[in-house]
């Protein structure tokens, strides 16, 4: 049998040096693309505590006084209020700097923070915005499992292929949750979609009901593309869908573009006597359902008195919404 002979030739000294040089380059920290670069937080970031810390890289030769001035401004529309100021001595090219703490949480929706910086003795300046803050309330168990302070509501498992009328009947016997004493709801799911049942409230007390879904369960400070709303309108007894398109933040405040969403009667509405069932197909929500999955969820009832579930939920801040858990 012939044997294959493998000849191993040593690398030339030039090749070895070239490889070592390439490895040393890859190990070097990234060079800032400007005299001062804020690497964190980024625009549309959600902070999880009242502490504001920035990560900054700077070319020390471009700092005439060796310092950078920071200012954190709370903005709402055209109103602005400075909440933190700090001058930082840069002794290294990169630093993580604690600026201070922010009161009156959460910060999000149409209210946001601007992190402004400037270099004394120069024209260098910049801003990172918007930044929000939503603290997650709950605790970590001994088994390293997060338990939210607001227990999730349950969507019971419904039969596959169930109709809207059948869902209305099945959900009439399931546990319900109440929104401000105005409306009671029950929820169910199957591989096709999500079903939410309620009895029509008084038209003199309620005008509309918004069902909000944070499909990524990100608990963020600002609405995003993945967040969905199904609105039930009492005056014409109908349902429609909206979600967020482009988002912008400037001197006039934050603007959220609202777009229609849904297809093939999703979100749809089943009418069963005085009961109504809002039905949403999973593909239109953009997720794959599975047992014990949790999604961000809230209900907003508008009318003579506005109420919500959870009680402290803010329509424009998904981080304040509750959870809906898909039961086995």
C-alpha atoms as a PDB file:
ATOM      1  CA  UNK A   1       0.000   0.000   0.000  1.00  0.00           C
ATOM      2  CA  UNK A   2       1.337   3.391  -0.921  1.00  0.00           C
ATOM      3  CA  UNK A   3       1.709   5.815   1.919  1.00  0.00           C
ATOM      4  CA  UNK A   4       1.088   9.532   1.533  1.00  0.00           C
ATOM      5  CA  UNK A   5       4.004  11.609   2.733  1.00  0.00           C
ATOM      6  CA  UNK A   6       3.139  14.946   4.311  1.00  0.00           C
ATOM      7  CA  UNK A   7       5.898  17.494   4.314  1.00  0.00           C
ATOM      8  CA  UNK A   8       5.654  20.266   6.917  1.00  0.00           C
ATOM      9  CA  UNK A   9       7.788  23.276   6.139  1.00  0.00           C
ATOM     10  CA  UNK A  10       8.528  25.852   8.828  1.00  0.00           C
ATOM     11  CA  UNK A  11       6.996  29.282   8.380  1.00  0.00           C
ATOM     12  CA  UNK A  12       9.359  32.013   7.310  1.00  0.00           C
ATOM     13  CA  UNK A  13      10.291  34.591   9.897  1.00  0.00           C
ATOM     14  CA  UNK A  14       8.388  37.193   7.853  1.00  0.00           C
ATOM     15  CA  UNK A  15       5.189  35.148   7.964  1.00  0.00           C
ATOM     16  CA  UNK A  16       5.557  34.632  11.704  1.00  0.00           C
ATOM     17  CA  UNK A  17       6.052  38.342  12.304  1.00  0.00           C
ATOM     18  CA  UNK A  18       3.073  39.194  10.082  1.00  0.00           C
ATOM     19  CA  UNK A  19       0.818  36.828  12.031  1.00  0.00           C
ATOM     20  CA  UNK A  20       1.992  38.243  15.349  1.00  0.00           C
ATOM     21  CA  UNK A  21       1.380  41.788  14.137  1.00  0.00           C
ATOM     22  CA  UNK A  22      -2.146  40.916  12.958  1.00  0.00           C
ATOM     23  CA  UNK A  23      -2.916  39.279  16.306  1.00  0.00           C
ATOM     24  CA  UNK A  24      -1.690  42.338  18.203  1.00  0.00           C
ATOM     25  CA  UNK A  25      -3.923  44.591  16.102  1.00  0.00           C
ATOM     26  CA  UNK A  26      -7.000  42.470  16.812  1.00  0.00           C
ATOM     27  CA  UNK A  27      -6.245  42.638  20.536  1.00  0.00           C
ATOM     28  CA  UNK A  28      -6.135  46.451  20.595  1.00  0.00           C
ATOM     29  CA  UNK A  29      -9.232  48.336  21.755  1.00  0.00           C
ATOM     30  CA  UNK A  30     -11.284  50.034  19.071  1.00  0.00           C
ATOM     31  CA  UNK A  31     -10.061  53.515  18.200  1.00  0.00           C
ATOM     32  CA  UNK A  32     -12.824  56.116  18.734  1.00  0.00           C
ATOM     33  CA  UNK A  33     -14.189  57.604  15.498  1.00  0.00           C
ATOM     34  CA  UNK A  34     -14.090  61.071  17.067  1.00  0.00           C
ATOM     35  CA  UNK A  35     -12.302  63.028  19.820  1.00  0.00           C
ATOM     36  CA  UNK A  36     -15.037  61.987  22.273  1.00  0.00           C
ATOM     37  CA  UNK A  37     -17.270  58.936  21.894  1.00  0.00           C
ATOM     38  CA  UNK A  38     -20.063  57.847  24.244  1.00  0.00           C
ATOM     39  CA  UNK A  39     -20.350  54.075  23.918  1.00  0.00           C
ATOM     40  CA  UNK A  40     -23.131  53.682  26.516  1.00  0.00           C
ATOM     41  CA  UNK A  41     -25.917  54.439  26.913  1.00  0.00           C
ATOM     42  CA  UNK A  42     -27.093  54.503  23.309  1.00  0.00           C
ATOM     43  CA  UNK A  43     -30.167  56.206  21.903  1.00  0.00           C
ATOM     44  CA  UNK A  44     -33.455  54.500  22.863  1.00  0.00           C
ATOM     45  CA  UNK A  45     -31.752  52.676  25.741  1.00  0.00           C
ATOM     46  CA  UNK A  46     -33.760  51.636  28.818  1.00  0.00           C
ATOM     47  CA  UNK A  47     -31.825  51.882  32.092  1.00  0.00           C
ATOM     48  CA  UNK A  48     -32.844  49.539  34.913  1.00  0.00           C
ATOM     49  CA  UNK A  49     -32.030  51.725  37.910  1.00  0.00           C
ATOM     50  CA  UNK A  50     -32.120  55.397  38.847  1.00  0.00           C
ATOM     51  CA  UNK A  51     -28.330  55.616  38.372  1.00  0.00           C
ATOM     52  CA  UNK A  52     -27.047  57.214  35.173  1.00  0.00           C
ATOM     53  CA  UNK A  53     -23.586  56.005  34.163  1.00  0.00           C
ATOM     54  CA  UNK A  54     -21.823  56.753  30.872  1.00  0.00           C
ATOM     55  CA  UNK A  55     -19.017  54.869  29.158  1.00  0.00           C
ATOM     56  CA  UNK A  56     -16.779  57.369  27.367  1.00  0.00           C
ATOM     57  CA  UNK A  57     -13.671  57.180  25.195  1.00  0.00           C
ATOM     58  CA  UNK A  58     -11.666  60.312  24.481  1.00  0.00           C
ATOM     59  CA  UNK A  59      -8.512  61.523  22.776  1.00  0.00           C
ATOM     60  CA  UNK A  60      -6.827  63.178  25.762  1.00  0.00           C
ATOM     61  CA  UNK A  61      -4.823  65.482  23.463  1.00  0.00           C
ATOM     62  CA  UNK A  62      -8.120  67.034  22.313  1.00  0.00           C
ATOM     63  CA  UNK A  63      -9.230  67.985  25.829  1.00  0.00           C
ATOM     64  CA  UNK A  64      -7.725  71.459  26.527  1.00  0.00           C
ATOM     65  CA  UNK A  65      -8.486  71.258  30.254  1.00  0.00           C
ATOM     66  CA  UNK A  66      -8.451  67.475  30.501  1.00  0.00           C
ATOM     67  CA  UNK A  67     -12.158  67.425  31.386  1.00  0.00           C
ATOM     68  CA  UNK A  68     -15.566  66.691  29.897  1.00  0.00           C
ATOM     69  CA  UNK A  69     -18.738  68.350  31.169  1.00  0.00           C
ATOM     70  CA  UNK A  70     -21.905  66.245  31.331  1.00  0.00           C
ATOM     71  CA  UNK A  71     -25.516  67.312  31.724  1.00  0.00           C
ATOM     72  CA  UNK A  72     -28.597  65.092  31.996  1.00  0.00           C
ATOM     73  CA  UNK A  73     -31.808  66.823  30.919  1.00  0.00           C
ATOM     74  CA  UNK A  74     -35.358  65.544  31.403  1.00  0.00           C
ATOM     75  CA  UNK A  75     -37.467  66.462  28.364  1.00  0.00           C
ATOM     76  CA  UNK A  76     -41.210  66.421  27.762  1.00  0.00           C
ATOM     77  CA  UNK A  77     -42.275  68.002  24.508  1.00  0.00           C
ATOM     78  CA  UNK A  78     -40.527  71.374  24.345  1.00  0.00           C
ATOM     79  CA  UNK A  79     -40.066  71.518  28.134  1.00  0.00           C
ATOM     80  CA  UNK A  80     -36.583  70.775  29.479  1.00  0.00           C
ATOM     81  CA  UNK A  81     -35.321  70.453  33.032  1.00  0.00           C
ATOM     82  CA  UNK A  82     -31.682  69.806  33.933  1.00  0.00           C
ATOM     83  CA  UNK A  83     -31.518  67.068  36.581  1.00  0.00           C
ATOM     84  CA  UNK A  84     -27.760  66.261  36.724  1.00  0.00           C
ATOM     85  CA  UNK A  85     -24.556  68.202  35.994  1.00  0.00           C
ATOM     86  CA  UNK A  86     -21.019  66.894  36.436  1.00  0.00           C
ATOM     87  CA  UNK A  87     -17.510  67.794  35.263  1.00  0.00           C
ATOM     88  CA  UNK A  88     -15.303  64.724  34.790  1.00  0.00           C
ATOM     89  CA  UNK A  89     -11.494  64.681  34.833  1.00  0.00           C
ATOM     90  CA  UNK A  90     -10.323  62.223  32.169  1.00  0.00           C
ATOM     91  CA  UNK A  91      -7.156  60.540  33.434  1.00  0.00           C
ATOM     92  CA  UNK A  92      -7.432  57.603  31.029  1.00  0.00           C
ATOM     93  CA  UNK A  93      -8.601  57.350  27.424  1.00  0.00           C
ATOM     94  CA  UNK A  94     -11.633  55.286  28.488  1.00  0.00           C
ATOM     95  CA  UNK A  95     -13.754  55.493  31.617  1.00  0.00           C
ATOM     96  CA  UNK A  96     -17.106  54.494  33.098  1.00  0.00           C
ATOM     97  CA  UNK A  97     -18.465  57.572  34.835  1.00  0.00           C
ATOM     98  CA  UNK A  98     -21.309  57.717  37.357  1.00  0.00           C
ATOM     99  CA  UNK A  99     -23.168  60.975  36.758  1.00  0.00           C
ATOM    100  CA  UNK A 100     -25.893  60.798  39.411  1.00  0.00           C
ATOM    101  CA  UNK A 101     -29.393  59.578  40.180  1.00  0.00           C
ATOM    102  CA  UNK A 102     -32.713  60.509  38.633  1.00  0.00           C
ATOM    103  CA  UNK A 103     -35.911  60.978  40.631  1.00  0.00           C
ATOM    104  CA  UNK A 104     -39.529  60.553  39.511  1.00  0.00           C
ATOM    105  CA  UNK A 105     -39.425  57.173  37.785  1.00  0.00           C
ATOM    106  CA  UNK A 106     -40.263  55.724  35.358  1.00  0.00           C
ATOM    107  CA  UNK A 107     -38.901  57.890  32.552  1.00  0.00           C
ATOM    108  CA  UNK A 108     -40.261  56.882  29.164  1.00  0.00           C
ATOM    109  CA  UNK A 109     -43.037  57.232  26.635  1.00  0.00           C
ATOM    110  CA  UNK A 110     -43.191  60.923  25.735  1.00  0.00           C
ATOM    111  CA  UNK A 111     -40.780  61.857  28.544  1.00  0.00           C
ATOM    112  CA  UNK A 112     -37.086  61.114  28.111  1.00  0.00           C
ATOM    113  CA  UNK A 113     -33.553  61.940  29.171  1.00  0.00           C
ATOM    114  CA  UNK A 114     -30.893  63.636  27.063  1.00  0.00           C
ATOM    115  CA  UNK A 115     -27.272  62.959  28.041  1.00  0.00           C
ATOM    116  CA  UNK A 116     -25.381  66.019  26.820  1.00  0.00           C
ATOM    117  CA  UNK A 117     -21.584  66.422  26.848  1.00  0.00           C
ATOM    118  CA  UNK A 118     -19.169  69.240  25.997  1.00  0.00           C
ATOM    119  CA  UNK A 119     -15.410  69.802  26.184  1.00  0.00           C
ATOM    120  CA  UNK A 120     -14.425  73.023  28.020  1.00  0.00           C
ATOM    121  CA  UNK A 121     -12.127  75.252  25.963  1.00  0.00           C
ATOM    122  CA  UNK A 122     -13.306  73.762  22.664  1.00  0.00           C
ATOM    123  CA  UNK A 123     -16.336  73.567  20.395  1.00  0.00           C
ATOM    124  CA  UNK A 124     -16.677  69.808  20.900  1.00  0.00           C
ATOM    125  CA  UNK A 125     -20.112  68.739  22.123  1.00  0.00           C
ATOM    126  CA  UNK A 126     -22.749  66.111  21.564  1.00  0.00           C
ATOM    127  CA  UNK A 127     -25.886  64.466  22.898  1.00  0.00           C
ATOM    128  CA  UNK A 128     -27.281  60.962  23.354  1.00  0.00           C
ATOM    129  CA  UNK A 129     -31.087  60.803  23.303  1.00  0.00           C
ATOM    130  CA  UNK A 130     -33.609  59.547  24.083  1.00  0.00           C
ATOM    131  CA  UNK A 131     -32.756  57.510  27.187  1.00  0.00           C
ATOM    132  CA  UNK A 132     -35.389  56.065  29.524  1.00  0.00           C
ATOM    133  CA  UNK A 133     -35.524  54.380  32.921  1.00  0.00           C
ATOM    134  CA  UNK A 134     -37.802  51.517  33.955  1.00  0.00           C
ATOM    135  CA  UNK A 135     -36.984  49.613  37.137  1.00  0.00           C
ATOM    136  CA  UNK A 136     -38.132  46.002  37.158  1.00  0.00           C
ATOM    137  CA  UNK A 137     -39.950  45.219  40.382  1.00  0.00           C
ATOM    138  CA  UNK A 138     -39.658  41.694  41.709  1.00  0.00           C
ATOM    139  CA  UNK A 139     -37.055  39.400  43.201  1.00  0.00           C
ATOM    140  CA  UNK A 140     -34.640  36.636  42.245  1.00  0.00           C
ATOM    141  CA  UNK A 141     -35.325  33.309  43.952  1.00  0.00           C
ATOM    142  CA  UNK A 142     -32.720  30.929  45.368  1.00  0.00           C
ATOM    143  CA  UNK A 143     -33.083  28.923  42.167  1.00  0.00           C
ATOM    144  CA  UNK A 144     -31.994  31.969  40.124  1.00  0.00           C
ATOM    145  CA  UNK A 145     -35.504  32.566  38.775  1.00  0.00           C
ATOM    146  CA  UNK A 146     -36.963  36.042  38.445  1.00  0.00           C
ATOM    147  CA  UNK A 147     -40.374  36.475  40.082  1.00  0.00           C
ATOM    148  CA  UNK A 148     -42.147  39.723  39.086  1.00  0.00           C
ATOM    149  CA  UNK A 149     -43.940  41.752  41.745  1.00  0.00           C
ATOM    150  CA  UNK A 150     -47.039  41.795  39.522  1.00  0.00           C
ATOM    151  CA  UNK A 151     -48.157  38.160  39.031  1.00  0.00           C
ATOM    152  CA  UNK A 152     -48.938  37.350  35.380  1.00  0.00           C
ATOM    153  CA  UNK A 153     -52.473  36.762  34.187  1.00  0.00           C
ATOM    154  CA  UNK A 154     -53.180  33.381  32.594  1.00  0.00           C
ATOM    155  CA  UNK A 155     -54.426  32.609  29.104  1.00  0.00           C
ATOM    156  CA  UNK A 156     -56.011  29.157  29.391  1.00  0.00           C
ATOM    157  CA  UNK A 157     -55.332  26.490  26.751  1.00  0.00           C
ATOM    158  CA  UNK A 158     -58.199  26.215  24.273  1.00  0.00           C
ATOM    159  CA  UNK A 159     -58.913  23.411  21.824  1.00  0.00           C
ATOM    160  CA  UNK A 160     -57.175  23.511  18.462  1.00  0.00           C
ATOM    161  CA  UNK A 161     -59.343  24.878  15.646  1.00  0.00           C
ATOM    162  CA  UNK A 162     -61.863  26.401  18.008  1.00  0.00           C
ATOM    163  CA  UNK A 163     -64.214  29.017  16.536  1.00  0.00           C
ATOM    164  CA  UNK A 164     -64.791  32.468  17.948  1.00  0.00           C
ATOM    165  CA  UNK A 165     -68.243  31.447  19.236  1.00  0.00           C
ATOM    166  CA  UNK A 166     -66.795  28.335  20.870  1.00  0.00           C
ATOM    167  CA  UNK A 167     -64.037  30.431  22.445  1.00  0.00           C
ATOM    168  CA  UNK A 168     -66.657  32.806  23.863  1.00  0.00           C
ATOM    169  CA  UNK A 169     -68.459  29.893  25.518  1.00  0.00           C
ATOM    170  CA  UNK A 170     -65.259  28.248  26.794  1.00  0.00           C
ATOM    171  CA  UNK A 171     -63.924  31.479  28.255  1.00  0.00           C
ATOM    172  CA  UNK A 172     -67.182  32.330  30.011  1.00  0.00           C
ATOM    173  CA  UNK A 173     -66.276  29.784  32.709  1.00  0.00           C
ATOM    174  CA  UNK A 174     -62.603  30.731  33.133  1.00  0.00           C
ATOM    175  CA  UNK A 175     -61.072  32.992  35.809  1.00  0.00           C
ATOM    176  CA  UNK A 176     -61.384  36.689  35.028  1.00  0.00           C
ATOM    177  CA  UNK A 177     -59.382  39.803  35.806  1.00  0.00           C
ATOM    178  CA  UNK A 178     -60.937  43.172  36.452  1.00  0.00           C
ATOM    179  CA  UNK A 179     -59.936  46.587  35.099  1.00  0.00           C
ATOM    180  CA  UNK A 180     -60.946  49.332  37.505  1.00  0.00           C
ATOM    181  CA  UNK A 181     -64.378  47.847  38.115  1.00  0.00           C
ATOM    182  CA  UNK A 182     -65.401  48.797  34.566  1.00  0.00           C
ATOM    183  CA  UNK A 183     -64.746  45.624  32.557  1.00  0.00           C
ATOM    184  CA  UNK A 184     -63.836  42.006  33.321  1.00  0.00           C
ATOM    185  CA  UNK A 185     -61.741  39.905  30.964  1.00  0.00           C
ATOM    186  CA  UNK A 186     -60.696  36.308  30.446  1.00  0.00           C
ATOM    187  CA  UNK A 187     -58.081  35.059  27.991  1.00  0.00           C
ATOM    188  CA  UNK A 188     -57.267  31.865  26.120  1.00  0.00           C
ATOM    189  CA  UNK A 189     -54.950  30.624  23.404  1.00  0.00           C
ATOM    190  CA  UNK A 190     -54.256  27.816  20.965  1.00  0.00           C
ATOM    191  CA  UNK A 191     -51.719  27.381  18.131  1.00  0.00           C
ATOM    192  CA  UNK A 192     -53.858  29.615  15.909  1.00  0.00           C
ATOM    193  CA  UNK A 193     -54.117  32.716  18.043  1.00  0.00           C
ATOM    194  CA  UNK A 194     -55.014  34.602  21.195  1.00  0.00           C
ATOM    195  CA  UNK A 195     -58.614  35.078  22.376  1.00  0.00           C
ATOM    196  CA  UNK A 196     -59.766  37.722  24.896  1.00  0.00           C
ATOM    197  CA  UNK A 197     -63.373  37.683  26.119  1.00  0.00           C
ATOM    198  CA  UNK A 198     -65.289  40.447  27.876  1.00  0.00           C
ATOM    199  CA  UNK A 199     -68.855  41.593  28.354  1.00  0.00           C
ATOM    200  CA  UNK A 200     -69.736  44.874  26.681  1.00  0.00           C
ATOM    201  CA  UNK A 201     -69.469  47.654  29.269  1.00  0.00           C
ATOM    202  CA  UNK A 202     -71.830  50.565  29.633  1.00  0.00           C
ATOM    203  CA  UNK A 203     -71.606  52.930  26.679  1.00  0.00           C
ATOM    204  CA  UNK A 204     -72.086  55.864  29.030  1.00  0.00           C
ATOM    205  CA  UNK A 205     -68.975  54.891  31.010  1.00  0.00           C
ATOM    206  CA  UNK A 206     -66.632  53.432  28.352  1.00  0.00           C
ATOM    207  CA  UNK A 207     -65.714  54.557  24.849  1.00  0.00           C
ATOM    208  CA  UNK A 208     -62.900  52.197  23.910  1.00  0.00           C
ATOM    209  CA  UNK A 209     -60.641  49.411  25.132  1.00  0.00           C
ATOM    210  CA  UNK A 210     -57.006  48.998  24.077  1.00  0.00           C
ATOM    211  CA  UNK A 211     -55.319  45.605  24.423  1.00  0.00           C
ATOM    212  CA  UNK A 212     -51.542  46.110  24.377  1.00  0.00           C
ATOM    213  CA  UNK A 213     -49.019  43.376  23.530  1.00  0.00           C
ATOM    214  CA  UNK A 214     -45.255  43.599  24.142  1.00  0.00           C
ATOM    215  CA  UNK A 215     -44.358  40.484  22.177  1.00  0.00           C
ATOM    216  CA  UNK A 216     -40.622  40.581  22.942  1.00  0.00           C
ATOM    217  CA  UNK A 217     -41.467  41.126  26.640  1.00  0.00           C
ATOM    218  CA  UNK A 218     -38.640  43.656  26.693  1.00  0.00           C
ATOM    219  CA  UNK A 219     -40.159  45.873  29.408  1.00  0.00           C
ATOM    220  CA  UNK A 220     -38.688  48.902  27.670  1.00  0.00           C
ATOM    221  CA  UNK A 221     -39.206  52.604  28.229  1.00  0.00           C
ATOM    222  CA  UNK A 222     -40.313  53.378  24.676  1.00  0.00           C
ATOM    223  CA  UNK A 223     -42.782  51.855  22.247  1.00  0.00           C
ATOM    224  CA  UNK A 224     -41.203  49.956  19.353  1.00  0.00           C
ATOM    225  CA  UNK A 225     -42.099  48.192  16.109  1.00  0.00           C
ATOM    226  CA  UNK A 226     -42.911  44.889  17.841  1.00  0.00           C
ATOM    227  CA  UNK A 227     -45.486  46.417  20.214  1.00  0.00           C
ATOM    228  CA  UNK A 228     -49.086  45.920  19.106  1.00  0.00           C
ATOM    229  CA  UNK A 229     -52.474  47.404  20.060  1.00  0.00           C
ATOM    230  CA  UNK A 230     -55.894  45.941  19.337  1.00  0.00           C
ATOM    231  CA  UNK A 231     -58.559  48.580  19.980  1.00  0.00           C
ATOM    232  CA  UNK A 232     -62.204  47.770  20.578  1.00  0.00           C
ATOM    233  CA  UNK A 233     -64.461  50.736  19.762  1.00  0.00           C
ATOM    234  CA  UNK A 234     -67.825  50.698  21.536  1.00  0.00           C
ATOM    235  CA  UNK A 235     -69.627  53.287  19.362  1.00  0.00           C
ATOM    236  CA  UNK A 236     -69.394  51.120  16.219  1.00  0.00           C
ATOM    237  CA  UNK A 237     -68.800  47.766  17.954  1.00  0.00           C
ATOM    238  CA  UNK A 238     -65.604  47.038  15.985  1.00  0.00           C
ATOM    239  CA  UNK A 239     -61.938  46.235  16.476  1.00  0.00           C
ATOM    240  CA  UNK A 240     -58.814  47.534  14.716  1.00  0.00           C
ATOM    241  CA  UNK A 241     -55.067  47.107  15.029  1.00  0.00           C
ATOM    242  CA  UNK A 242     -52.204  49.575  15.353  1.00  0.00           C
ATOM    243  CA  UNK A 243     -48.476  49.372  15.930  1.00  0.00           C
ATOM    244  CA  UNK A 244     -45.496  51.710  15.953  1.00  0.00           C
ATOM    245  CA  UNK A 245     -43.538  52.684  12.863  1.00  0.00           C
ATOM    246  CA  UNK A 246     -40.769  55.278  12.835  1.00  0.00           C
ATOM    247  CA  UNK A 247     -39.724  56.953  16.097  1.00  0.00           C
ATOM    248  CA  UNK A 248     -37.967  60.301  16.322  1.00  0.00           C
ATOM    249  CA  UNK A 249     -36.700  62.525  19.129  1.00  0.00           C
ATOM    250  CA  UNK A 250     -35.833  66.198  18.641  1.00  0.00           C
ATOM    251  CA  UNK A 251     -36.305  69.614  20.242  1.00  0.00           C
ATOM    252  CA  UNK A 252     -40.062  69.282  19.807  1.00  0.00           C
ATOM    253  CA  UNK A 253     -40.162  66.001  21.729  1.00  0.00           C
ATOM    254  CA  UNK A 254     -40.728  62.373  20.802  1.00  0.00           C
ATOM    255  CA  UNK A 255     -42.933  61.385  17.894  1.00  0.00           C
ATOM    256  CA  UNK A 256     -44.265  57.866  17.322  1.00  0.00           C
ATOM    257  CA  UNK A 257     -45.709  56.971  13.936  1.00  0.00           C
ATOM    258  CA  UNK A 258     -48.807  54.756  14.255  1.00  0.00           C
ATOM    259  CA  UNK A 259     -49.416  52.189  11.521  1.00  0.00           C
ATOM    260  CA  UNK A 260     -52.240  49.743  10.894  1.00  0.00           C
ATOM    261  CA  UNK A 261     -51.487  46.061  11.357  1.00  0.00           C
ATOM    262  CA  UNK A 262     -53.246  42.728  10.965  1.00  0.00           C
ATOM    263  CA  UNK A 263     -54.624  40.593   8.155  1.00  0.00           C
ATOM    264  CA  UNK A 264     -57.452  38.179   7.353  1.00  0.00           C
ATOM    265  CA  UNK A 265     -59.794  39.548  10.051  1.00  0.00           C
ATOM    266  CA  UNK A 266     -56.997  39.590  12.615  1.00  0.00           C
ATOM    267  CA  UNK A 267     -57.543  41.302  14.917  1.00  0.00           C
ATOM    268  CA  UNK A 268     -61.096  40.059  14.601  1.00  0.00           C
ATOM    269  CA  UNK A 269     -64.244  40.271  16.697  1.00  0.00           C
ATOM    270  CA  UNK A 270     -66.766  37.563  17.636  1.00  0.00           C
ATOM    271  CA  UNK A 271     -70.149  38.715  18.957  1.00  0.00           C
ATOM    272  CA  UNK A 272     -71.973  36.320  21.282  1.00  0.00           C
ATOM    273  CA  UNK A 273     -74.937  38.008  22.943  1.00  0.00           C
ATOM    274  CA  UNK A 274     -73.569  40.733  25.190  1.00  0.00           C
ATOM    275  CA  UNK A 275     -70.114  39.097  25.162  1.00  0.00           C
ATOM    276  CA  UNK A 276     -67.310  39.991  22.767  1.00  0.00           C
ATOM    277  CA  UNK A 277     -64.164  38.047  21.881  1.00  0.00           C
ATOM    278  CA  UNK A 278     -61.166  39.825  20.373  1.00  0.00           C
ATOM    279  CA  UNK A 279     -59.140  37.330  18.318  1.00  0.00           C
ATOM    280  CA  UNK A 280     -55.564  37.852  17.126  1.00  0.00           C
ATOM    281  CA  UNK A 281     -53.581  35.408  14.984  1.00  0.00           C
ATOM    282  CA  UNK A 282     -50.040  34.655  16.152  1.00  0.00           C
ATOM    283  CA  UNK A 283     -48.408  35.445  12.775  1.00  0.00           C
ATOM    284  CA  UNK A 284     -49.850  38.953  13.013  1.00  0.00           C
ATOM    285  CA  UNK A 285     -48.330  39.324  16.471  1.00  0.00           C
ATOM    286  CA  UNK A 286     -45.013  38.104  15.058  1.00  0.00           C
ATOM    287  CA  UNK A 287     -44.326  35.284  17.535  1.00  0.00           C
ATOM    288  CA  UNK A 288     -44.447  31.514  17.873  1.00  0.00           C
ATOM    289  CA  UNK A 289     -46.699  30.390  20.750  1.00  0.00           C
ATOM    290  CA  UNK A 290     -45.659  27.724  23.218  1.00  0.00           C
ATOM    291  CA  UNK A 291     -46.744  26.579  26.668  1.00  0.00           C
ATOM    292  CA  UNK A 292     -45.714  28.832  29.563  1.00  0.00           C
ATOM    293  CA  UNK A 293     -44.528  31.579  27.260  1.00  0.00           C
ATOM    294  CA  UNK A 294     -45.019  35.069  28.721  1.00  0.00           C
ATOM    295  CA  UNK A 295     -45.760  38.178  26.711  1.00  0.00           C
ATOM    296  CA  UNK A 296     -46.039  41.752  27.913  1.00  0.00           C
ATOM    297  CA  UNK A 297     -49.724  42.608  28.251  1.00  0.00           C
ATOM    298  CA  UNK A 298     -51.899  45.490  29.386  1.00  0.00           C
ATOM    299  CA  UNK A 299     -55.485  46.700  29.025  1.00  0.00           C
ATOM    300  CA  UNK A 300     -56.460  50.369  28.837  1.00  0.00           C
ATOM    301  CA  UNK A 301     -60.123  51.339  29.239  1.00  0.00           C
ATOM    302  CA  UNK A 302     -60.980  54.878  28.156  1.00  0.00           C
ATOM    303  CA  UNK A 303     -64.158  56.752  28.883  1.00  0.00           C
ATOM    304  CA  UNK A 304     -65.652  58.799  31.677  1.00  0.00           C
ATOM    305  CA  UNK A 305     -62.768  57.547  33.864  1.00  0.00           C
ATOM    306  CA  UNK A 306     -59.649  55.992  32.376  1.00  0.00           C
ATOM    307  CA  UNK A 307     -58.536  52.716  33.984  1.00  0.00           C
ATOM    308  CA  UNK A 308     -55.868  50.151  33.220  1.00  0.00           C
ATOM    309  CA  UNK A 309     -54.489  46.726  34.015  1.00  0.00           C
ATOM    310  CA  UNK A 310     -52.078  46.775  35.755  1.00  0.00           C
ATOM    311  CA  UNK A 311     -53.430  49.788  37.624  1.00  0.00           C
ATOM    312  CA  UNK A 312     -50.171  51.760  37.235  1.00  0.00           C
ATOM    313  CA  UNK A 313     -49.638  50.883  33.557  1.00  0.00           C
ATOM    314  CA  UNK A 314     -48.755  53.684  31.153  1.00  0.00           C
ATOM    315  CA  UNK A 315     -49.882  53.103  27.553  1.00  0.00           C
ATOM    316  CA  UNK A 316     -46.654  54.565  26.158  1.00  0.00           C
ATOM    317  CA  UNK A 317     -44.238  52.700  28.461  1.00  0.00           C
ATOM    318  CA  UNK A 318     -44.214  48.910  27.862  1.00  0.00           C
ATOM    319  CA  UNK A 319     -42.007  48.478  30.926  1.00  0.00           C
ATOM    320  CA  UNK A 320     -45.024  49.324  33.112  1.00  0.00           C
ATOM    321  CA  UNK A 321     -47.264  46.658  31.554  1.00  0.00           C
ATOM    322  CA  UNK A 322     -48.001  43.284  33.099  1.00  0.00           C
ATOM    323  CA  UNK A 323     -47.578  39.781  31.676  1.00  0.00           C
ATOM    324  CA  UNK A 324     -49.871  37.222  30.095  1.00  0.00           C
ATOM    325  CA  UNK A 325     -48.754  33.607  30.466  1.00  0.00           C
ATOM    326  CA  UNK A 326     -49.832  30.900  28.028  1.00  0.00           C
ATOM    327  CA  UNK A 327     -51.014  27.971  30.171  1.00  0.00           C
ATOM    328  CA  UNK A 328     -50.373  24.293  29.415  1.00  0.00           C
END
